[in-house]
């Protein structure tokens, strides 16, 4: 994971920690962020595999607004 993403995740984690939320709400918020991160990471892996198959994939994904 890039340093920029680590920094963003740390800022989000700190914001959740300092927010006026119950412990359960904080836990749920962080769980959702972890799920989104896993989905984002999976999408990146999928994109890389598809790009290996054909360089036209990048243009197609841009046209669809996915990247």
Protein backbone atom coordinates (compact mmCIF):
# COMPACT_ATOMS: atom_id res chain seq x y z
CA UNK A 1 0.00 0.00 0.00
CA UNK A 2 1.34 3.43 -0.89
CA UNK A 3 2.39 5.86 1.82
CA UNK A 4 -0.34 8.24 0.71
CA UNK A 5 -3.04 5.62 1.30
CA UNK A 6 -1.55 4.71 4.67
CA UNK A 7 -1.63 8.37 5.66
CA UNK A 8 -5.26 8.72 4.55
CA UNK A 9 -6.28 5.60 6.43
CA UNK A 10 -4.50 6.85 9.54
CA UNK A 11 -6.30 10.21 9.33
CA UNK A 12 -9.63 8.45 8.94
CA UNK A 13 -8.84 6.15 11.87
CA UNK A 14 -7.89 9.16 14.02
CA UNK A 15 -11.07 11.01 13.02
CA UNK A 16 -13.20 8.01 13.96
CA UNK A 17 -11.33 7.62 17.25
CA UNK A 18 -11.90 11.28 18.14
CA UNK A 19 -15.49 11.46 16.91
CA UNK A 20 -18.40 11.77 19.31
CA UNK A 21 -19.59 8.21 18.65
CA UNK A 22 -20.26 5.19 20.79
CA UNK A 23 -17.67 2.41 20.75
CA UNK A 24 -20.06 0.29 18.72
CA UNK A 25 -20.49 3.06 16.12
CA UNK A 26 -16.72 3.52 15.92
CA UNK A 27 -16.23 -0.21 15.48
CA UNK A 28 -18.87 -0.36 12.74
CA UNK A 29 -17.36 2.64 10.93
CA UNK A 30 -13.89 1.11 10.96
CA UNK A 31 -15.26 -2.29 9.83
CA UNK A 32 -16.90 -0.63 6.81
CA UNK A 33 -13.70 1.18 5.92
CA UNK A 34 -11.75 -2.08 6.09
CA UNK A 35 -14.33 -3.69 3.77
CA UNK A 36 -14.08 -0.79 1.29
CA UNK A 37 -10.30 -1.01 1.38
CA UNK A 38 -10.42 -4.76 0.63
CA UNK A 39 -12.81 -4.13 -2.27
CA UNK A 40 -10.59 -1.36 -3.63
CA UNK A 41 -7.53 -3.58 -3.37
CA UNK A 42 -9.37 -6.41 -5.14
CA UNK A 43 -10.43 -4.07 -7.92
CA UNK A 44 -6.80 -3.00 -8.41
CA UNK A 45 -5.71 -6.62 -8.69
CA UNK A 46 -8.50 -7.36 -11.16
CA UNK A 47 -7.55 -4.31 -13.24
CA UNK A 48 -3.89 -5.37 -13.35
CA UNK A 49 -4.81 -8.88 -14.51
CA UNK A 50 -7.15 -7.53 -17.19
CA UNK A 51 -4.53 -5.04 -18.38
CA UNK A 52 -2.11 -7.93 -18.88
CA UNK A 53 -4.61 -9.50 -21.26
CA UNK A 54 -5.14 -6.41 -23.40
CA UNK A 55 -3.94 -2.80 -23.28
CA UNK A 56 -7.39 -1.76 -24.53
CA UNK A 57 -8.80 -2.56 -21.08
CA UNK A 58 -7.52 0.72 -19.60
CA UNK A 59 -9.30 2.81 -22.23
CA UNK A 60 -12.49 0.81 -21.76
CA UNK A 61 -12.40 1.18 -17.96
CA UNK A 62 -11.77 4.92 -18.29
CA UNK A 63 -14.73 5.21 -20.65
CA UNK A 64 -16.91 3.39 -18.12
CA UNK A 65 -15.69 5.74 -15.37
CA UNK A 66 -14.12 2.94 -13.34
CA UNK A 67 -10.65 4.47 -13.20
